[in-house]
C-alpha atoms as a PDB file:
ATOM      1  CA  UNK A   1       0.000   0.000   0.000  1.00  0.00           C
ATOM      2  CA  UNK A   2       1.424   3.354  -0.993  1.00  0.00           C
ATOM      3  CA  UNK A   3       0.998   6.234   1.246  1.00  0.00           C
ATOM      4  CA  UNK A   4      -0.426   9.313  -0.372  1.00  0.00           C
ATOM      5  CA  UNK A   5       0.255  12.712   1.092  1.00  0.00           C
ATOM      6  CA  UNK A   6      -1.562  15.718  -0.111  1.00  0.00           C
ATOM      7  CA  UNK A   7       0.404  18.769  -1.002  1.00  0.00           C
ATOM      8  CA  UNK A   8      -1.434  21.996  -0.508  1.00  0.00           C
ATOM      9  CA  UNK A   9      -0.019  25.044  -2.148  1.00  0.00           C
ATOM     10  CA  UNK A  10       0.363  28.119  -0.083  1.00  0.00           C
ATOM     11  CA  UNK A  11      -1.322  31.124  -1.620  1.00  0.00           C
ATOM     12  CA  UNK A  12       1.169  33.448  -3.255  1.00  0.00           C
ATOM     13  CA  UNK A  13       1.600  36.864  -1.799  1.00  0.00           C
ATOM     14  CA  UNK A  14       0.056  38.948  -4.544  1.00  0.00           C
ATOM     15  CA  UNK A  15       0.319  42.235  -2.698  1.00  0.00           C
ATOM     16  CA  UNK A  16       2.540  44.666  -4.482  1.00  0.00           C
ATOM     17  CA  UNK A  17       4.833  46.794  -2.348  1.00  0.00           C
ATOM     18  CA  UNK A  18       3.836  50.418  -2.082  1.00  0.00           C
ATOM     19  CA  UNK A  19       5.525  52.350  -4.879  1.00  0.00           C
ATOM     20  CA  UNK A  20       8.364  54.580  -3.778  1.00  0.00           C
ATOM     21  CA  UNK A  21       7.482  58.266  -3.797  1.00  0.00           C
ATOM     22  CA  UNK A  22       9.827  61.227  -4.086  1.00  0.00           C
ATOM     23  CA  UNK A  23       9.946  64.943  -3.481  1.00  0.00           C
ATOM     24  CA  UNK A  24      10.969  67.080  -6.423  1.00  0.00           C
ATOM     25  CA  UNK A  25      11.977  70.713  -6.798  1.00  0.00           C
ATOM     26  CA  UNK A  26      10.944  72.761  -9.820  1.00  0.00           C
ATOM     27  CA  UNK A  27      13.496  75.262 -11.098  1.00  0.00           C
ATOM     28  CA  UNK A  28      12.402  78.542 -12.677  1.00  0.00           C
ATOM     29  CA  UNK A  29      14.999  78.916 -15.437  1.00  0.00           C
ATOM     30  CA  UNK A  30      14.295  78.192 -19.072  1.00  0.00           C
ATOM     31  CA  UNK A  31      16.774  75.575 -20.261  1.00  0.00           C
ATOM     32  CA  UNK A  32      17.946  74.348 -23.634  1.00  0.00           C
ATOM     33  CA  UNK A  33      19.368  71.025 -24.781  1.00  0.00           C
ATOM     34  CA  UNK A  34      22.036  71.681 -27.404  1.00  0.00           C
ATOM     35  CA  UNK A  35      23.841  69.286 -29.719  1.00  0.00           C
ATOM     36  CA  UNK A  36      27.414  70.045 -30.692  1.00  0.00           C
ATOM     37  CA  UNK A  37      29.857  68.063 -32.797  1.00  0.00           C
ATOM     38  CA  UNK A  38      32.002  65.386 -31.193  1.00  0.00           C
ATOM     39  CA  UNK A  39      34.952  66.988 -29.407  1.00  0.00           C
ATOM     40  CA  UNK A  40      33.536  70.511 -29.752  1.00  0.00           C
ATOM     41  CA  UNK A  41      34.674  73.166 -27.339  1.00  0.00           C
ATOM     42  CA  UNK A  42      32.044  74.594 -25.050  1.00  0.00           C
ATOM     43  CA  UNK A  43      30.882  77.874 -26.598  1.00  0.00           C
ATOM     44  CA  UNK A  44      30.998  81.122 -24.645  1.00  0.00           C
ATOM     45  CA  UNK A  45      27.240  81.558 -24.945  1.00  0.00           C
ATOM     46  CA  UNK A  46      26.606  78.331 -22.995  1.00  0.00           C
ATOM     47  CA  UNK A  47      25.589  79.957 -19.732  1.00  0.00           C
ATOM     48  CA  UNK A  48      25.277  78.117 -16.478  1.00  0.00           C
ATOM     49  CA  UNK A  49      21.934  77.796 -14.698  1.00  0.00           C
ATOM     50  CA  UNK A  50      20.442  75.613 -11.968  1.00  0.00           C
ATOM     51  CA  UNK A  51      21.721  72.660 -13.958  1.00  0.00           C
ATOM     52  CA  UNK A  52      24.582  72.883 -16.438  1.00  0.00           C
ATOM     53  CA  UNK A  53      25.622  69.631 -18.021  1.00  0.00           C
ATOM     54  CA  UNK A  54      28.162  68.585 -20.609  1.00  0.00           C
ATOM     55  CA  UNK A  55      27.968  65.039 -21.900  1.00  0.00           C
ATOM     56  CA  UNK A  56      30.507  63.986 -24.489  1.00  0.00           C
ATOM     57  CA  UNK A  57      30.627  60.743 -26.449  1.00  0.00           C
ATOM     58  CA  UNK A  58      32.580  59.655 -29.491  1.00  0.00           C
ATOM     59  CA  UNK A  59      29.654  60.846 -31.645  1.00  0.00           C
ATOM     60  CA  UNK A  60      28.477  64.098 -30.076  1.00  0.00           C
ATOM     61  CA  UNK A  61      28.690  66.619 -27.298  1.00  0.00           C
ATOM     62  CA  UNK A  62      25.426  67.599 -25.625  1.00  0.00           C
ATOM     63  CA  UNK A  63      24.839  70.582 -23.389  1.00  0.00           C
ATOM     64  CA  UNK A  64      22.078  71.471 -21.007  1.00  0.00           C
ATOM     65  CA  UNK A  65      22.357  75.165 -20.309  1.00  0.00           C
ATOM     66  CA  UNK A  66      20.412  78.374 -19.833  1.00  0.00           C
ATOM     67  CA  UNK A  67      18.241  78.872 -22.886  1.00  0.00           C
ATOM     68  CA  UNK A  68      18.464  82.658 -23.066  1.00  0.00           C
ATOM     69  CA  UNK A  69      21.741  82.896 -25.025  1.00  0.00           C
ATOM     70  CA  UNK A  70      21.567  79.887 -27.327  1.00  0.00           C
ATOM     71  CA  UNK A  71      21.901  81.160 -30.920  1.00  0.00           C
ATOM     72  CA  UNK A  72      19.048  80.333 -33.284  1.00  0.00           C
ATOM     73  CA  UNK A  73      21.509  78.628 -35.655  1.00  0.00           C
ATOM     74  CA  UNK A  74      22.648  76.159 -32.970  1.00  0.00           C
ATOM     75  CA  UNK A  75      21.014  72.742 -33.130  1.00  0.00           C
ATOM     76  CA  UNK A  76      18.869  72.779 -29.996  1.00  0.00           C
ATOM     77  CA  UNK A  77      15.514  72.257 -28.337  1.00  0.00           C
ATOM     78  CA  UNK A  78      13.979  74.642 -25.828  1.00  0.00           C
ATOM     79  CA  UNK A  79      12.331  75.693 -23.612  1.00  0.00           C
ATOM     80  CA  UNK A  80      12.683  73.056 -20.914  1.00  0.00           C
ATOM     81  CA  UNK A  81      11.867  73.215 -17.212  1.00  0.00           C
ATOM     82  CA  UNK A  82      14.032  71.230 -14.793  1.00  0.00           C
ATOM     83  CA  UNK A  83      12.830  69.163 -11.850  1.00  0.00           C
ATOM     84  CA  UNK A  84      15.343  67.719  -9.412  1.00  0.00           C
ATOM     85  CA  UNK A  85      14.805  64.815  -7.018  1.00  0.00           C
ATOM     86  CA  UNK A  86      15.377  66.269  -3.548  1.00  0.00           C
ATOM     87  CA  UNK A  87      18.146  64.875  -1.386  1.00  0.00           C
ATOM     88  CA  UNK A  88      21.014  62.594  -2.218  1.00  0.00           C
ATOM     89  CA  UNK A  89      20.122  59.266  -3.794  1.00  0.00           C
ATOM     90  CA  UNK A  90      22.263  56.197  -3.285  1.00  0.00           C
ATOM     91  CA  UNK A  91      23.934  55.040  -6.484  1.00  0.00           C
ATOM     92  CA  UNK A  92      22.571  51.588  -5.682  1.00  0.00           C
ATOM     93  CA  UNK A  93      18.944  52.819  -5.577  1.00  0.00           C
ATOM     94  CA  UNK A  94      16.680  50.842  -7.894  1.00  0.00           C
ATOM     95  CA  UNK A  95      13.588  52.115  -9.689  1.00  0.00           C
ATOM     96  CA  UNK A  96      13.899  55.851  -9.062  1.00  0.00           C
ATOM     97  CA  UNK A  97      13.491  56.885 -12.675  1.00  0.00           C
ATOM     98  CA  UNK A  98      10.832  54.245 -13.311  1.00  0.00           C
ATOM     99  CA  UNK A  99       8.758  55.667 -10.440  1.00  0.00           C
ATOM    100  CA  UNK A 100       9.155  59.206 -11.768  1.00  0.00           C
ATOM    101  CA  UNK A 101       8.955  58.638 -15.513  1.00  0.00           C
ATOM    102  CA  UNK A 102       6.009  56.219 -15.595  1.00  0.00           C
ATOM    103  CA  UNK A 103       3.443  58.898 -14.624  1.00  0.00           C
ATOM    104  CA  UNK A 104       4.910  61.218 -17.274  1.00  0.00           C
ATOM    105  CA  UNK A 105       4.797  58.530 -19.954  1.00  0.00           C
ATOM    106  CA  UNK A 106       1.169  57.819 -19.057  1.00  0.00           C
ATOM    107  CA  UNK A 107       0.453  61.555 -19.423  1.00  0.00           C
ATOM    108  CA  UNK A 108       2.352  61.571 -22.764  1.00  0.00           C
ATOM    109  CA  UNK A 109       4.961  64.056 -21.551  1.00  0.00           C
ATOM    110  CA  UNK A 110       8.373  63.769 -23.240  1.00  0.00           C
ATOM    111  CA  UNK A 111      11.432  63.986 -21.001  1.00  0.00           C
ATOM    112  CA  UNK A 112      15.160  64.540 -21.074  1.00  0.00           C
ATOM    113  CA  UNK A 113      16.905  63.064 -18.046  1.00  0.00           C
ATOM    114  CA  UNK A 114      20.253  63.649 -16.395  1.00  0.00           C
ATOM    115  CA  UNK A 115      21.864  62.045 -13.415  1.00  0.00           C
ATOM    116  CA  UNK A 116      24.574  63.432 -11.189  1.00  0.00           C
ATOM    117  CA  UNK A 117      26.468  61.698  -8.416  1.00  0.00           C
ATOM    118  CA  UNK A 118      23.814  62.759  -5.903  1.00  0.00           C
ATOM    119  CA  UNK A 119      20.506  62.896  -7.745  1.00  0.00           C
ATOM    120  CA  UNK A 120      18.401  62.722 -10.893  1.00  0.00           C
ATOM    121  CA  UNK A 121      17.117  65.616 -12.993  1.00  0.00           C
ATOM    122  CA  UNK A 122      14.110  65.458 -15.272  1.00  0.00           C
ATOM    123  CA  UNK A 123      13.602  68.110 -17.924  1.00  0.00           C
ATOM    124  CA  UNK A 124      10.199  68.514 -19.530  1.00  0.00           C
ATOM    125  CA  UNK A 125       9.001  70.945 -22.184  1.00  0.00           C
ATOM    126  CA  UNK A 126       8.104  74.123 -20.313  1.00  0.00           C
ATOM    127  CA  UNK A 127       4.558  74.134 -21.725  1.00  0.00           C
ATOM    128  CA  UNK A 128       3.991  70.734 -20.059  1.00  0.00           C
ATOM    129  CA  UNK A 129       5.619  71.466 -16.684  1.00  0.00           C
ATOM    130  CA  UNK A 130       2.313  72.029 -14.867  1.00  0.00           C
ATOM    131  CA  UNK A 131       0.900  68.838 -16.393  1.00  0.00           C
ATOM    132  CA  UNK A 132       4.026  66.968 -15.184  1.00  0.00           C
ATOM    133  CA  UNK A 133       3.487  68.276 -11.658  1.00  0.00           C
ATOM    134  CA  UNK A 134      -0.131  67.080 -11.744  1.00  0.00           C
ATOM    135  CA  UNK A 135       0.906  63.631 -12.977  1.00  0.00           C
ATOM    136  CA  UNK A 136       3.487  63.301 -10.206  1.00  0.00           C
ATOM    137  CA  UNK A 137       1.074  64.454  -7.500  1.00  0.00           C
ATOM    138  CA  UNK A 138      -1.534  61.922  -8.661  1.00  0.00           C
ATOM    139  CA  UNK A 139       1.176  59.258  -8.226  1.00  0.00           C
ATOM    140  CA  UNK A 140       1.983  60.345  -4.674  1.00  0.00           C
ATOM    141  CA  UNK A 141       5.088  62.428  -5.348  1.00  0.00           C
ATOM    142  CA  UNK A 142       5.434  65.986  -4.101  1.00  0.00           C
ATOM    143  CA  UNK A 143       6.642  68.978  -6.091  1.00  0.00           C
ATOM    144  CA  UNK A 144       7.621  72.394  -4.750  1.00  0.00           C
ATOM    145  CA  UNK A 145       9.446  75.424  -6.120  1.00  0.00           C
ATOM    146  CA  UNK A 146      13.208  75.110  -5.789  1.00  0.00           C
ATOM    147  CA  UNK A 147      14.781  76.952  -2.894  1.00  0.00           C
ATOM    148  CA  UNK A 148      17.633  79.161  -4.123  1.00  0.00           C
ATOM    149  CA  UNK A 149      21.023  77.913  -2.984  1.00  0.00           C
END
């Protein structure tokens, strides 16, 4: 006679963890994203602002700078508004941009992102900045005007 033991499956934990929420600061400057040739020198008109970024690859050099002095003939997009994740983020943090970009993608808001050692920056077209704030607030994030440093 063979002994039969019943195996009952334990119900899986289907609860999803609460999504991580963040506080963001909105900066008032109008920014531009500029494309330069690979190895190009940074032009004198590239003025600093709340965020000033130079990213160089073998194929291009990109700038994020104040939009006010970018010549019309320069290959660029503007105006952008910058939002910064408040506080220092660990470089090992997982899912920060997913949590912040998903609500914007659902609201059909295009983005340009930057990361620094301490935090992440999200640039959105200035005409959609208020809509971005609304999308983030609906997702549990907070947004406030940036405090001048």
